[in-house]
Amino acid sequence: MTVQPLIPDAPLAPYQPVSSQDAGGFVRALDALGALLQGAQSAEDAFAAGAGSLQSAVYERARADVALAVATSAAQRSAQTITAILNMQV
């Protein structure tokens, strides 16, 4: 029995690192989350200084907390998915 080497049908593409353009959606999502957290901090600081309302501070903090919970959940789900894929039997 002779084992023949595998020869690809098409030439292999050279490795191309991920550019910032490819990761643009992820970067924008992180920037938006950071902006929400900064807005909540600003509203709390304004309330503490007497320049803002309690309603505004609580509302901005709630928005930031929800966005952070969604981002955390998405990251955990992505990690679980990657783990499941890596544990697949080939």
PDB file of N, CA and C in Angstrom:
ATOM      1  N   MET A   1       0.849  -1.168   0.000  1.00  0.00           N
ATOM      2  CA  MET A   1       0.000   0.000   0.000  1.00  0.00           C
ATOM      3  C   MET A   1       0.898   1.236   0.000  1.00  0.00           C
ATOM      4  N   THR A   2       0.635   2.144  -0.925  1.00  0.00           N
ATOM      5  CA  THR A   2       1.415   3.359  -1.040  1.00  0.00           C
ATOM      6  C   THR A   2       0.533   4.544  -0.660  1.00  0.00           C
ATOM      7  N   VAL A   3       1.055   5.416   0.164  1.00  0.00           N
ATOM      8  CA  VAL A   3       0.321   6.609   0.573  1.00  0.00           C
ATOM      9  C   VAL A   3       0.773   7.762  -0.311  1.00  0.00           C
ATOM     10  N   GLN A   4      -0.194   8.355  -0.996  1.00  0.00           N
ATOM     11  CA  GLN A   4       0.100   9.471  -1.885  1.00  0.00           C
ATOM     12  C   GLN A   4       0.017  10.785  -1.094  1.00  0.00           C
ATOM     13  N   PRO A   5       0.954  11.688  -1.309  1.00  0.00           N
ATOM     14  CA  PRO A   5       0.865  12.977  -0.606  1.00  0.00           C
ATOM     15  C   PRO A   5      -0.306  13.798  -1.132  1.00  0.00           C
ATOM     16  N   LEU A   6      -0.899  14.568  -0.240  1.00  0.00           N
ATOM     17  CA  LEU A   6      -2.006  15.444  -0.625  1.00  0.00           C
ATOM     18  C   LEU A   6      -1.449  16.701  -1.262  1.00  0.00           C
ATOM     19  N   ILE A   7      -1.964  17.009  -2.437  1.00  0.00           N
ATOM     20  CA  ILE A   7      -1.541  18.203  -3.159  1.00  0.00           C
ATOM     21  C   ILE A   7      -2.765  19.097  -3.298  1.00  0.00           C
ATOM     22  N   PRO A   8      -2.676  20.353  -2.819  1.00  0.00           N
ATOM     23  CA  PRO A   8      -3.848  21.232  -2.917  1.00  0.00           C
ATOM     24  C   PRO A   8      -4.190  21.554  -4.370  1.00  0.00           C
ATOM     25  N   ASP A   9      -5.494  21.723  -4.632  1.00  0.00           N
ATOM     26  CA  ASP A   9      -5.959  22.064  -5.973  1.00  0.00           C
ATOM     27  C   ASP A   9      -5.604  23.495  -6.356  1.00  0.00           C
ATOM     28  N   ALA A  10      -5.558  24.375  -5.379  1.00  0.00           N
ATOM     29  CA  ALA A  10      -5.274  25.789  -5.632  1.00  0.00           C
ATOM     30  C   ALA A  10      -4.100  26.212  -4.753  1.00  0.00           C
ATOM     31  N   PRO A  11      -3.355  27.195  -5.203  1.00  0.00           N
ATOM     32  CA  PRO A  11      -2.245  27.651  -4.363  1.00  0.00           C
ATOM     33  C   PRO A  11      -2.771  28.253  -3.059  1.00  0.00           C
ATOM     34  N   LEU A  12      -2.005  28.094  -2.002  1.00  0.00           N
ATOM     35  CA  LEU A  12      -2.377  28.643  -0.708  1.00  0.00           C
ATOM     36  C   LEU A  12      -2.222  30.159  -0.720  1.00  0.00           C
ATOM     37  N   ALA A  13      -3.185  30.842  -0.145  1.00  0.00           N
ATOM     38  CA  ALA A  13      -3.121  32.300  -0.070  1.00  0.00           C
ATOM     39  C   ALA A  13      -2.144  32.683   1.040  1.00  0.00           C
ATOM     40  N   PRO A  14      -1.373  33.723   0.827  1.00  0.00           N
ATOM     41  CA  PRO A  14      -0.459  34.146   1.887  1.00  0.00           C
ATOM     42  C   PRO A  14      -1.233  34.663   3.096  1.00  0.00           C
ATOM     43  N   TYR A  15      -0.633  34.547   4.275  1.00  0.00           N
ATOM     44  CA  TYR A  15      -1.267  35.012   5.510  1.00  0.00           C
ATOM     45  C   TYR A  15      -1.433  36.520   5.455  1.00  0.00           C
ATOM     46  N   GLN A  16      -2.626  36.963   5.789  1.00  0.00           N
ATOM     47  CA  GLN A  16      -2.894  38.395   5.815  1.00  0.00           C
ATOM     48  C   GLN A  16      -3.416  38.734   7.208  1.00  0.00           C
ATOM     49  N   PRO A  17      -2.697  39.577   7.946  1.00  0.00           N
ATOM     50  CA  PRO A  17      -3.176  39.938   9.283  1.00  0.00           C
ATOM     51  C   PRO A  17      -4.472  40.724   9.195  1.00  0.00           C
ATOM     52  N   VAL A  18      -5.226  40.684  10.278  1.00  0.00           N
ATOM     53  CA  VAL A  18      -6.491  41.403  10.341  1.00  0.00           C
ATOM     54  C   VAL A  18      -6.196  42.896  10.383  1.00  0.00           C
ATOM     55  N   SER A  19      -6.802  43.611   9.471  1.00  0.00           N
ATOM     56  CA  SER A  19      -6.580  45.049   9.437  1.00  0.00           C
ATOM     57  C   SER A  19      -7.577  45.739  10.360  1.00  0.00           C
ATOM     58  N   SER A  20      -7.332  46.983  10.639  1.00  0.00           N
ATOM     59  CA  SER A  20      -8.248  47.731  11.497  1.00  0.00           C
ATOM     60  C   SER A  20      -9.593  47.918  10.809  1.00  0.00           C
ATOM     61  N   GLN A  21      -9.607  47.833   9.483  1.00  0.00           N
ATOM     62  CA  GLN A  21     -10.854  47.964   8.744  1.00  0.00           C
ATOM     63  C   GLN A  21     -11.749  46.750   8.992  1.00  0.00           C
ATOM     64  N   ASP A  22     -11.149  45.553   9.095  1.00  0.00           N
ATOM     65  CA  ASP A  22     -11.918  44.342   9.343  1.00  0.00           C
ATOM     66  C   ASP A  22     -12.526  44.342  10.738  1.00  0.00           C
ATOM     67  N   ALA A  23     -11.836  44.906  11.694  1.00  0.00           N
ATOM     68  CA  ALA A  23     -12.292  44.913  13.076  1.00  0.00           C
ATOM     69  C   ALA A  23     -13.072  46.178  13.404  1.00  0.00           C
ATOM     70  N   GLY A  24     -13.490  46.919  12.406  1.00  0.00           N
ATOM     71  CA  GLY A  24     -14.161  48.190  12.624  1.00  0.00           C
ATOM     72  C   GLY A  24     -15.434  48.090  13.439  1.00  0.00           C
ATOM     73  N   GLY A  25     -16.237  47.064  13.207  1.00  0.00           N
ATOM     74  CA  GLY A  25     -17.479  46.903  13.953  1.00  0.00           C
ATOM     75  C   GLY A  25     -17.229  46.667  15.430  1.00  0.00           C
ATOM     76  N   PHE A  26     -16.234  45.855  15.723  1.00  0.00           N
ATOM     77  CA  PHE A  26     -15.897  45.568  17.117  1.00  0.00           C
ATOM     78  C   PHE A  26     -15.379  46.819  17.807  1.00  0.00           C
ATOM     79  N   VAL A  27     -14.540  47.561  17.112  1.00  0.00           N
ATOM     80  CA  VAL A  27     -13.983  48.796  17.677  1.00  0.00           C
ATOM     81  C   VAL A  27     -15.090  49.811  17.921  1.00  0.00           C
ATOM     82  N   ARG A  28     -16.018  49.925  16.982  1.00  0.00           N
ATOM     83  CA  ARG A  28     -17.133  50.858  17.159  1.00  0.00           C
ATOM     84  C   ARG A  28     -18.014  50.458  18.338  1.00  0.00           C
ATOM     85  N   ALA A  29     -18.235  49.151  18.516  1.00  0.00           N
ATOM     86  CA  ALA A  29     -19.045  48.687  19.643  1.00  0.00           C
ATOM     87  C   ALA A  29     -18.366  49.014  20.977  1.00  0.00           C
ATOM     88  N   LEU A  30     -17.056  48.814  21.043  1.00  0.00           N
ATOM     89  CA  LEU A  30     -16.334  49.150  22.271  1.00  0.00           C
ATOM     90  C   LEU A  30     -16.345  50.649  22.523  1.00  0.00           C
ATOM     91  N   ASP A  31     -16.202  51.433  21.470  1.00  0.00           N
ATOM     92  CA  ASP A  31     -16.255  52.890  21.620  1.00  0.00           C
ATOM     93  C   ASP A  31     -17.630  53.347  22.111  1.00  0.00           C
ATOM     94  N   ALA A  32     -18.687  52.739  21.582  1.00  0.00           N
ATOM     95  CA  ALA A  32     -20.038  53.099  22.006  1.00  0.00           C
ATOM     96  C   ALA A  32     -20.266  52.733  23.471  1.00  0.00           C
ATOM     97  N   LEU A  33     -19.766  51.575  23.879  1.00  0.00           N
ATOM     98  CA  LEU A  33     -19.891  51.164  25.276  1.00  0.00           C
ATOM     99  C   LEU A  33     -19.117  52.118  26.178  1.00  0.00           C
ATOM    100  N   GLY A  34     -17.927  52.490  25.762  1.00  0.00           N
ATOM    101  CA  GLY A  34     -17.134  53.449  26.528  1.00  0.00           C
ATOM    102  C   GLY A  34     -17.824  54.798  26.641  1.00  0.00           C
ATOM    103  N   ALA A  35     -18.480  55.227  25.551  1.00  0.00           N
ATOM    104  CA  ALA A  35     -19.198  56.499  25.573  1.00  0.00           C
ATOM    105  C   ALA A  35     -20.386  56.445  26.533  1.00  0.00           C
ATOM    106  N   LEU A  36     -21.076  55.308  26.573  1.00  0.00           N
ATOM    107  CA  LEU A  36     -22.192  55.166  27.516  1.00  0.00           C
ATOM    108  C   LEU A  36     -21.708  55.219  28.956  1.00  0.00           C
ATOM    109  N   LEU A  37     -20.614  54.522  29.229  1.00  0.00           N
ATOM    110  CA  LEU A  37     -20.069  54.536  30.589  1.00  0.00           C
ATOM    111  C   LEU A  37     -19.578  55.928  30.971  1.00  0.00           C
ATOM    112  N   GLN A  38     -18.970  56.625  30.029  1.00  0.00           N
ATOM    113  CA  GLN A  38     -18.507  57.992  30.292  1.00  0.00           C
ATOM    114  C   GLN A  38     -19.690  58.932  30.518  1.00  0.00           C
ATOM    115  N   GLY A  39     -20.759  58.746  29.741  1.00  0.00           N
ATOM    116  CA  GLY A  39     -21.960  59.563  29.929  1.00  0.00           C
ATOM    117  C   GLY A  39     -22.576  59.348  31.297  1.00  0.00           C
ATOM    118  N   ALA A  40     -22.593  58.095  31.754  1.00  0.00           N
ATOM    119  CA  ALA A  40     -23.120  57.798  33.083  1.00  0.00           C
ATOM    120  C   ALA A  40     -22.248  58.447  34.160  1.00  0.00           C
ATOM    121  N   GLN A  41     -20.957  58.368  33.997  1.00  0.00           N
ATOM    122  CA  GLN A  41     -20.047  58.988  34.962  1.00  0.00           C
ATOM    123  C   GLN A  41     -20.234  60.504  34.996  1.00  0.00           C
ATOM    124  N   SER A  42     -20.392  61.115  33.824  1.00  0.00           N
ATOM    125  CA  SER A  42     -20.595  62.567  33.747  1.00  0.00           C
ATOM    126  C   SER A  42     -21.904  62.976  34.422  1.00  0.00           C
ATOM    127  N   ALA A  43     -22.971  62.191  34.203  1.00  0.00           N
ATOM    128  CA  ALA A  43     -24.259  62.508  34.820  1.00  0.00           C
ATOM    129  C   ALA A  43     -24.178  62.377  36.338  1.00  0.00           C
ATOM    130  N   GLU A  44     -23.470  61.365  36.823  1.00  0.00           N
ATOM    131  CA  GLU A  44     -23.307  61.200  38.273  1.00  0.00           C
ATOM    132  C   GLU A  44     -22.471  62.325  38.861  1.00  0.00           C
ATOM    133  N   ASP A  45     -21.413  62.713  38.145  1.00  0.00           N
ATOM    134  CA  ASP A  45     -20.581  63.817  38.620  1.00  0.00           C
ATOM    135  C   ASP A  45     -21.364  65.126  38.649  1.00  0.00           C
ATOM    136  N   ALA A  46     -22.200  65.341  37.628  1.00  0.00           N
ATOM    137  CA  ALA A  46     -23.013  66.557  37.580  1.00  0.00           C
ATOM    138  C   ALA A  46     -23.998  66.580  38.737  1.00  0.00           C
ATOM    139  N   PHE A  47     -24.593  65.436  39.051  1.00  0.00           N
ATOM    140  CA  PHE A  47     -25.526  65.384  40.190  1.00  0.00           C
ATOM    141  C   PHE A  47     -24.793  65.653  41.499  1.00  0.00           C
ATOM    142  N   ALA A  48     -23.610  65.060  41.651  1.00  0.00           N
ATOM    143  CA  ALA A  48     -22.835  65.271  42.875  1.00  0.00           C
ATOM    144  C   ALA A  48     -22.428  66.729  43.033  1.00  0.00           C
ATOM    145  N   ALA A  49     -22.202  67.411  41.912  1.00  0.00           N
ATOM    146  CA  ALA A  49     -21.809  68.819  41.968  1.00  0.00           C
ATOM    147  C   ALA A  49     -23.017  69.744  42.077  1.00  0.00           C
ATOM    148  N   GLY A  50     -24.215  69.198  42.019  1.00  0.00           N
ATOM    149  CA  GLY A  50     -25.421  70.014  42.123  1.00  0.00           C
ATOM    150  C   GLY A  50     -25.882  70.602  40.809  1.00  0.00           C
ATOM    151  N   ALA A  51     -25.263  70.192  39.702  1.00  0.00           N
ATOM    152  CA  ALA A  51     -25.620  70.755  38.399  1.00  0.00           C
ATOM    153  C   ALA A  51     -26.564  69.855  37.612  1.00  0.00           C
ATOM    154  N   GLY A  52     -26.793  68.631  38.061  1.00  0.00           N
ATOM    155  CA  GLY A  52     -27.632  67.695  37.324  1.00  0.00           C
ATOM    156  C   GLY A  52     -28.716  67.127  38.207  1.00  0.00           C
ATOM    157  N   SER A  53     -29.646  66.415  37.586  1.00  0.00           N
ATOM    158  CA  SER A  53     -30.757  65.836  38.348  1.00  0.00           C
ATOM    159  C   SER A  53     -30.465  64.386  38.699  1.00  0.00           C
ATOM    160  N   LEU A  54     -31.109  63.923  39.753  1.00  0.00           N
ATOM    161  CA  LEU A  54     -30.977  62.533  40.160  1.00  0.00           C
ATOM    162  C   LEU A  54     -31.566  61.611  39.097  1.00  0.00           C
ATOM    163  N   GLN A  55     -32.658  62.036  38.486  1.00  0.00           N
ATOM    164  CA  GLN A  55     -33.302  61.246  37.437  1.00  0.00           C
ATOM    165  C   GLN A  55     -32.343  60.996  36.279  1.00  0.00           C
ATOM    166  N   SER A  56     -31.632  62.012  35.857  1.00  0.00           N
ATOM    167  CA  SER A  56     -30.675  61.885  34.762  1.00  0.00           C
ATOM    168  C   SER A  56     -29.527  60.946  35.135  1.00  0.00           C
ATOM    169  N   ALA A  57     -29.031  61.072  36.351  1.00  0.00           N
ATOM    170  CA  ALA A  57     -27.922  60.225  36.792  1.00  0.00           C
ATOM    171  C   ALA A  57     -28.335  58.758  36.850  1.00  0.00           C
ATOM    172  N   VAL A  58     -29.519  58.497  37.397  1.00  0.00           N
ATOM    173  CA  VAL A  58     -30.002  57.117  37.508  1.00  0.00           C
ATOM    174  C   VAL A  58     -30.279  56.534  36.122  1.00  0.00           C
ATOM    175  N   TYR A  59     -30.876  57.337  35.249  1.00  0.00           N
ATOM    176  CA  TYR A  59     -31.190  56.875  33.899  1.00  0.00           C
ATOM    177  C   TYR A  59     -29.919  56.529  33.115  1.00  0.00           C
ATOM    178  N   GLU A  60     -28.932  57.407  33.165  1.00  0.00           N
ATOM    179  CA  GLU A  60     -27.682  57.154  32.441  1.00  0.00           C
ATOM    180  C   GLU A  60     -26.956  55.939  33.007  1.00  0.00           C
ATOM    181  N   ARG A  61     -26.957  55.758  34.328  1.00  0.00           N
ATOM    182  CA  ARG A  61     -26.313  54.591  34.930  1.00  0.00           C
ATOM    183  C   ARG A  61     -27.036  53.316  34.520  1.00  0.00           C
ATOM    184  N   ALA A  62     -28.374  53.347  34.472  1.00  0.00           N
ATOM    185  CA  ALA A  62     -29.137  52.170  34.061  1.00  0.00           C
ATOM    186  C   ALA A  62     -28.834  51.806  32.612  1.00  0.00           C
ATOM    187  N   ARG A  63     -28.748  52.809  31.743  1.00  0.00           N
ATOM    188  CA  ARG A  63     -28.405  52.546  30.330  1.00  0.00           C
ATOM    189  C   ARG A  63     -27.022  51.905  30.226  1.00  0.00           C
ATOM    190  N   ALA A  64     -26.070  52.437  30.967  1.00  0.00           N
ATOM    191  CA  ALA A  64     -24.710  51.897  30.930  1.00  0.00           C
ATOM    192  C   ALA A  64     -24.666  50.477  31.486  1.00  0.00           C
ATOM    193  N   ASP A  65     -25.421  50.217  32.555  1.00  0.00           N
ATOM    194  CA  ASP A  65     -25.439  48.875  33.145  1.00  0.00           C
ATOM    195  C   ASP A  65     -26.035  47.845  32.188  1.00  0.00           C
ATOM    196  N   VAL A  66     -27.099  48.228  31.487  1.00  0.00           N
ATOM    197  CA  VAL A  66     -27.717  47.313  30.517  1.00  0.00           C
ATOM    198  C   VAL A  66     -26.750  47.037  29.368  1.00  0.00           C
ATOM    199  N   ALA A  67     -26.113  48.068  28.854  1.00  0.00           N
ATOM    200  CA  ALA A  67     -25.161  47.877  27.748  1.00  0.00           C
ATOM    201  C   ALA A  67     -23.995  47.004  28.181  1.00  0.00           C
ATOM    202  N   LEU A  68     -23.526  47.190  29.397  1.00  0.00           N
ATOM    203  CA  LEU A  68     -22.427  46.372  29.908  1.00  0.00           C
ATOM    204  C   LEU A  68     -22.859  44.923  30.099  1.00  0.00           C
ATOM    205  N   ALA A  69     -24.077  44.709  30.560  1.00  0.00           N
ATOM    206  CA  ALA A  69     -24.589  43.340  30.720  1.00  0.00           C
ATOM    207  C   ALA A  69     -24.722  42.644  29.368  1.00  0.00           C
ATOM    208  N   VAL A  70     -25.196  43.363  28.356  1.00  0.00           N
ATOM    209  CA  VAL A  70     -25.321  42.785  27.012  1.00  0.00           C
ATOM    210  C   VAL A  70     -23.946  42.447  26.446  1.00  0.00           C
ATOM    211  N   ALA A  71     -22.987  43.345  26.619  1.00  0.00           N
ATOM    212  CA  ALA A  71     -21.632  43.095  26.111  1.00  0.00           C
ATOM    213  C   ALA A  71     -20.994  41.905  26.820  1.00  0.00           C
ATOM    214  N   THR A  72     -21.187  41.800  28.124  1.00  0.00           N
ATOM    215  CA  THR A  72     -20.640  40.680  28.885  1.00  0.00           C
ATOM    216  C   THR A  72     -21.268  39.367  28.446  1.00  0.00           C
ATOM    217  N   SER A  73     -22.578  39.375  28.256  1.00  0.00           N
ATOM    218  CA  SER A  73     -23.279  38.174  27.810  1.00  0.00           C
ATOM    219  C   SER A  73     -22.807  37.745  26.422  1.00  0.00           C
ATOM    220  N   ALA A  74     -22.633  38.703  25.522  1.00  0.00           N
ATOM    221  CA  ALA A  74     -22.159  38.378  24.174  1.00  0.00           C
ATOM    222  C   ALA A  74     -20.748  37.819  24.207  1.00  0.00           C
ATOM    223  N   ALA A  75     -19.899  38.373  25.052  1.00  0.00           N
ATOM    224  CA  ALA A  75     -18.528  37.868  25.162  1.00  0.00           C
ATOM    225  C   ALA A  75     -18.513  36.450  25.727  1.00  0.00           C
ATOM    226  N   GLN A  76     -19.338  36.192  26.731  1.00  0.00           N
ATOM    227  CA  GLN A  76     -19.408  34.844  27.303  1.00  0.00           C
ATOM    228  C   GLN A  76     -19.942  33.842  26.284  1.00  0.00           C
ATOM    229  N   ARG A  77     -20.956  34.242  25.535  1.00  0.00           N
ATOM    230  CA  ARG A  77     -21.530  33.345  24.517  1.00  0.00           C
ATOM    231  C   ARG A  77     -20.511  33.055  23.427  1.00  0.00           C
ATOM    232  N   SER A  78     -19.755  34.072  23.027  1.00  0.00           N
ATOM    233  CA  SER A  78     -18.723  33.882  22.009  1.00  0.00           C
ATOM    234  C   SER A  78     -17.633  32.939  22.511  1.00  0.00           C
ATOM    235  N   ALA A  79     -17.235  33.099  23.760  1.00  0.00           N
ATOM    236  CA  ALA A  79     -16.214  32.222  24.330  1.00  0.00           C
ATOM    237  C   ALA A  79     -16.712  30.782  24.406  1.00  0.00           C
ATOM    238  N   GLN A  80     -17.968  30.592  24.778  1.00  0.00           N
ATOM    239  CA  GLN A  80     -18.542  29.245  24.818  1.00  0.00           C
ATOM    240  C   GLN A  80     -18.585  28.623  23.427  1.00  0.00           C
ATOM    241  N   THR A  81     -18.936  29.423  22.429  1.00  0.00           N
ATOM    242  CA  THR A  81     -19.009  28.931  21.058  1.00  0.00           C
ATOM    243  C   THR A  81     -17.630  28.519  20.558  1.00  0.00           C
ATOM    244  N   ILE A  82     -16.644  29.342  20.810  1.00  0.00           N
ATOM    245  CA  ILE A  82     -15.279  29.014  20.381  1.00  0.00           C
ATOM    246  C   ILE A  82     -14.783  27.760  21.089  1.00  0.00           C
ATOM    247  N   THR A  83     -15.069  27.631  22.385  1.00  0.00           N
ATOM    248  CA  THR A  83     -14.686  26.439  23.128  1.00  0.00           C
ATOM    249  C   THR A  83     -15.352  25.191  22.539  1.00  0.00           C
ATOM    250  N   ALA A  84     -16.623  25.295  22.211  1.00  0.00           N
ATOM    251  CA  ALA A  84     -17.331  24.150  21.618  1.00  0.00           C
ATOM    252  C   ALA A  84     -16.732  23.765  20.279  1.00  0.00           C
ATOM    253  N   ILE A  85     -16.389  24.763  19.476  1.00  0.00           N
ATOM    254  CA  ILE A  85     -15.787  24.472  18.163  1.00  0.00           C
ATOM    255  C   ILE A  85     -14.413  23.813  18.337  1.00  0.00           C
ATOM    256  N   LEU A  86     -13.625  24.317  19.258  1.00  0.00           N
ATOM    257  CA  LEU A  86     -12.280  23.762  19.468  1.00  0.00           C
ATOM    258  C   LEU A  86     -12.327  22.364  20.073  1.00  0.00           C
ATOM    259  N   ASN A  87     -13.417  22.033  20.774  1.00  0.00           N
ATOM    260  CA  ASN A  87     -13.535  20.703  21.381  1.00  0.00           C
ATOM    261  C   ASN A  87     -14.162  19.676  20.465  1.00  0.00           C
ATOM    262  N   MET A  88     -14.531  20.071  19.253  1.00  0.00           N
ATOM    263  CA  MET A  88     -15.137  19.123  18.300  1.00  0.00           C
ATOM    264  C   MET A  88     -14.138  18.069  17.879  1.00  0.00           C
ATOM    265  N   GLN A  89     -14.634  16.853  17.764  1.00  0.00           N
ATOM    266  CA  GLN A  89     -13.803  15.759  17.278  1.00  0.00           C
ATOM    267  C   GLN A  89     -13.702  15.847  15.756  1.00  0.00           C
ATOM    268  N   VAL A  90     -12.497  15.724  15.269  1.00  0.00           N
ATOM    269  CA  VAL A  90     -12.292  15.798  13.826  1.00  0.00           C
ATOM    270  C   VAL A  90     -11.955  14.421  13.292  1.00  0.00           C
TER     271      VAL A  90
END
